Structures are given as C-alpha cells and as structure tokens.
C-alpha cells in the first residue's frame, strides 16, 4: 500500500514539474525562443534548392566564418551569382531573399 502511495506522489510531482516548465516556456518572449545562431536554410538562402547537402553545410560554415560585413557580402554576391547560373541552367530565375544573411549576422553582432 505504501509503495502505491509513493508512486502516485512521484507521478503527481512529475506532472507539476512538467506544468511548471511549460508555463516558464510559454512566458518567455518569442524572440528569446527564436534567438539562436543564424543558420542557412531554404527561406533565407538564395539557391538553396540548387545546392547539394554538402554545399549547404559548407555555405553555412563559410557564412559564420566572416568577421566583417564587407567579407560576408563579397562571398554572398559570388555565391548568388553561382546559384543564378545553376538556376538558369535549370530554366529558372533566381531571386535574392528579402532578408540577407549578412545583415542578420551583423544585427546579431557577429560582423563588424
């Protein structure tokens, strides 16, 4: 009988802890939850669909390696040109993304 009572007590404590954690997460501002390191993805990288998985990893690594906005933009412009050529070969037209990864990195304080 005592064993059954202890199990209920532990289950109740786990539920309370889970509820507490959920309330803390829900109380956080959305920006706190979304503020992780910048990452390349289809919604923010021109030509994502024309890149191989290895190229995507390398692109993300390169984007995170720059120290200045000028370095980042130079790479990004060259990358965009390369992806535009791939798109043209596929019969498509590549458009730049509205939000530039370089500007996002600068806003996060990663670039000078």
Protein backbone atom coordinates (compact mmCIF):
# COMPACT_ATOMS: atom_id res chain seq x y z
CA UNK A 1 0.00 0.00 0.00
CA UNK A 2 2.82 2.41 0.87
CA UNK A 3 4.53 1.63 -2.47
CA UNK A 4 1.38 2.58 -4.39
CA UNK A 5 1.11 5.86 -2.46
CA UNK A 6 4.76 6.73 -3.28
CA UNK A 7 4.21 6.08 -6.99
CA UNK A 8 1.22 8.40 -7.05
CA UNK A 9 3.22 11.05 -5.21
CA UNK A 10 6.10 10.78 -7.75
CA UNK A 11 3.68 10.90 -10.70
CA UNK A 12 1.99 13.98 -9.26
CA UNK A 13 5.36 15.69 -8.74
CA UNK A 14 6.38 14.92 -12.32
CA UNK A 15 3.15 16.41 -13.61
CA UNK A 16 3.65 19.52 -11.51
CA UNK A 17 7.24 19.89 -12.73
CA UNK A 18 6.13 19.47 -16.33
CA UNK A 19 3.41 22.09 -15.89
CA UNK A 20 5.87 24.48 -14.28
CA UNK A 21 8.35 24.02 -17.14
CA UNK A 22 5.62 24.53 -19.73
CA UNK A 23 4.48 27.74 -18.02
CA UNK A 24 8.03 29.07 -17.99
CA UNK A 25 8.48 28.34 -21.68
CA UNK A 26 5.16 29.95 -22.56
CA UNK A 27 6.06 33.02 -20.53
CA UNK A 28 9.26 33.61 -22.48
CA UNK A 29 9.06 36.21 -25.24
CA UNK A 30 9.04 34.75 -28.74
CA UNK A 31 12.34 36.48 -29.52
CA UNK A 32 14.05 34.60 -26.69
CA UNK A 33 12.92 31.31 -28.13
CA UNK A 34 13.87 32.21 -31.71
CA UNK A 35 17.22 33.78 -30.93
CA UNK A 36 19.67 31.07 -31.79
CA UNK A 37 22.65 31.22 -34.06
CA UNK A 38 21.92 32.17 -37.64
CA UNK A 39 21.64 29.19 -39.95
CA UNK A 40 21.32 28.86 -43.68
CA UNK A 41 18.02 27.42 -44.89
CA UNK A 42 15.69 27.50 -47.85
CA UNK A 43 13.84 30.57 -46.63
CA UNK A 44 16.96 32.72 -46.24
CA UNK A 45 19.47 31.38 -48.77
CA UNK A 46 19.19 32.13 -52.48
CA UNK A 47 19.75 28.96 -54.50
CA UNK A 48 19.25 26.58 -51.57
CA UNK A 49 17.36 24.19 -53.84
CA UNK A 50 20.31 24.06 -56.26
CA UNK A 51 22.87 23.14 -53.59
CA UNK A 52 23.91 19.65 -52.54
CA UNK A 53 23.70 18.78 -48.83
CA UNK A 54 27.49 19.11 -48.56
CA UNK A 55 27.39 22.52 -50.25
CA UNK A 56 24.71 23.64 -47.81
CA UNK A 57 26.86 22.68 -44.84
CA UNK A 58 29.89 24.41 -46.34
CA UNK A 59 27.87 27.53 -47.17
CA UNK A 60 26.65 27.77 -43.61
CA UNK A 61 30.17 27.27 -42.27
CA UNK A 62 31.51 30.00 -44.58
CA UNK A 63 28.76 32.43 -43.67
CA UNK A 64 29.59 32.02 -39.99
CA UNK A 65 33.33 32.43 -40.58
CA UNK A 66 33.38 36.08 -41.64
CA UNK A 67 34.46 38.92 -39.39
CA UNK A 68 33.24 41.90 -41.42
CA UNK A 69 30.10 42.78 -43.33
CA UNK A 70 32.21 43.50 -46.44
CA UNK A 71 33.73 39.98 -46.43
CA UNK A 72 30.33 38.44 -45.96
CA UNK A 73 28.72 40.47 -48.75
CA UNK A 74 31.54 39.68 -51.18
CA UNK A 75 31.09 35.96 -50.56
CA UNK A 76 27.31 36.24 -50.67
CA UNK A 77 27.39 38.11 -54.01
CA UNK A 78 29.69 35.47 -55.54
CA UNK A 79 27.52 32.68 -54.14
CA UNK A 80 24.38 34.30 -55.52
CA UNK A 81 25.95 34.62 -58.96
CA UNK A 82 26.96 30.95 -58.91
CA UNK A 83 23.45 29.88 -57.85
CA UNK A 84 21.89 32.16 -60.51
CA UNK A 85 23.94 30.30 -63.13
CA UNK A 86 22.69 26.95 -61.81
CA UNK A 87 19.12 28.22 -61.82
CA UNK A 88 19.46 29.44 -65.40
CA UNK A 89 20.72 26.01 -66.49
CA UNK A 90 17.61 24.54 -64.86
CA UNK A 91 15.42 27.03 -66.74
CA UNK A 92 14.60 29.13 -63.68
CA UNK A 93 15.34 32.63 -62.48
CA UNK A 94 16.93 33.10 -59.07
CA UNK A 95 15.72 35.90 -56.81
CA UNK A 96 17.54 37.29 -53.83
CA UNK A 97 15.94 36.67 -50.48
CA UNK A 98 14.40 39.66 -48.71
CA UNK A 99 16.49 39.15 -45.59
CA UNK A 100 20.22 38.96 -46.22
CA UNK A 101 22.15 36.52 -44.06
CA UNK A 102 24.98 39.05 -43.81
CA UNK A 103 22.68 41.72 -42.40
CA UNK A 104 21.18 39.21 -39.99
CA UNK A 105 24.65 38.24 -38.78
CA UNK A 106 25.53 41.91 -38.36
CA UNK A 107 22.36 42.55 -36.34
CA UNK A 108 23.33 39.66 -34.07
CA UNK A 109 26.71 41.33 -33.50
CA UNK A 110 28.67 38.64 -35.37
CA UNK A 111 30.07 41.03 -38.02
CA UNK A 112 31.79 44.39 -37.79
